[in-house]
């Protein structure tokens, strides 16, 4: 629970990251990742 509270304090809604901040010299890139949910078989 301590880790959860610590991580909640690191959250910045204006940051492109879930936790923390983008530091100088770092690059944030958006990548295309295929969804494996759509290809899962379903039981009928």
C-alpha atoms as a PDB file:
ATOM      1  CA  UNK A   1       0.000   0.000   0.000  1.00  0.00           C
ATOM      2  CA  UNK A   2       2.925   2.354   0.634  1.00  0.00           C
ATOM      3  CA  UNK A   3       4.090   1.898  -2.966  1.00  0.00           C
ATOM      4  CA  UNK A   4       0.608   2.709  -4.276  1.00  0.00           C
ATOM      5  CA  UNK A   5       0.482   5.957  -2.306  1.00  0.00           C
ATOM      6  CA  UNK A   6       4.016   6.853  -3.449  1.00  0.00           C
ATOM      7  CA  UNK A   7       3.083   6.250  -7.098  1.00  0.00           C
ATOM      8  CA  UNK A   8      -0.123   8.284  -6.741  1.00  0.00           C
ATOM      9  CA  UNK A   9       1.979  11.275  -5.710  1.00  0.00           C
ATOM     10  CA  UNK A  10       4.106  10.877  -8.877  1.00  0.00           C
ATOM     11  CA  UNK A  11       1.079  11.098 -11.188  1.00  0.00           C
ATOM     12  CA  UNK A  12       0.841  14.273 -13.245  1.00  0.00           C
ATOM     13  CA  UNK A  13      -2.316  14.503 -15.403  1.00  0.00           C
ATOM     14  CA  UNK A  14      -0.519  16.947 -17.744  1.00  0.00           C
ATOM     15  CA  UNK A  15       2.360  14.526 -18.396  1.00  0.00           C
ATOM     16  CA  UNK A  16       2.347  12.082 -21.343  1.00  0.00           C
ATOM     17  CA  UNK A  17       3.528   9.422 -18.882  1.00  0.00           C
ATOM     18  CA  UNK A  18       1.379   7.567 -16.376  1.00  0.00           C
ATOM     19  CA  UNK A  19       3.916   8.227 -13.626  1.00  0.00           C
ATOM     20  CA  UNK A  20       6.691  10.762 -13.383  1.00  0.00           C
ATOM     21  CA  UNK A  21       7.838  13.429 -15.797  1.00  0.00           C
ATOM     22  CA  UNK A  22       9.744  13.537 -19.072  1.00  0.00           C
ATOM     23  CA  UNK A  23      13.279  14.582 -18.228  1.00  0.00           C
ATOM     24  CA  UNK A  24      15.630  16.654 -20.379  1.00  0.00           C
ATOM     25  CA  UNK A  25      17.193  14.513 -23.097  1.00  0.00           C
ATOM     26  CA  UNK A  26      14.394  11.912 -23.029  1.00  0.00           C
ATOM     27  CA  UNK A  27      12.089  11.348 -25.975  1.00  0.00           C
ATOM     28  CA  UNK A  28       8.475  10.187 -25.818  1.00  0.00           C
ATOM     29  CA  UNK A  29       7.409   8.286 -28.920  1.00  0.00           C
ATOM     30  CA  UNK A  30       3.967   6.979 -29.780  1.00  0.00           C
ATOM     31  CA  UNK A  31       4.138   3.480 -31.233  1.00  0.00           C
ATOM     32  CA  UNK A  32       1.554   1.287 -32.898  1.00  0.00           C
ATOM     33  CA  UNK A  33       1.077  -1.936 -30.994  1.00  0.00           C
ATOM     34  CA  UNK A  34      -1.386  -4.534 -32.331  1.00  0.00           C
ATOM     35  CA  UNK A  35      -4.231  -5.498 -30.023  1.00  0.00           C
ATOM     36  CA  UNK A  36      -4.216  -9.144 -29.070  1.00  0.00           C
ATOM     37  CA  UNK A  37      -7.670  -8.848 -27.510  1.00  0.00           C
ATOM     38  CA  UNK A  38      -9.343  -8.746 -30.927  1.00  0.00           C
ATOM     39  CA  UNK A  39      -7.632 -11.958 -32.052  1.00  0.00           C
ATOM     40  CA  UNK A  40      -8.478 -14.060 -28.995  1.00  0.00           C
ATOM     41  CA  UNK A  41     -10.817 -16.955 -29.517  1.00  0.00           C
ATOM     42  CA  UNK A  42     -14.145 -16.762 -27.736  1.00  0.00           C
ATOM     43  CA  UNK A  43     -16.078 -19.578 -26.179  1.00  0.00           C
ATOM     44  CA  UNK A  44     -19.668 -19.677 -27.342  1.00  0.00           C
END
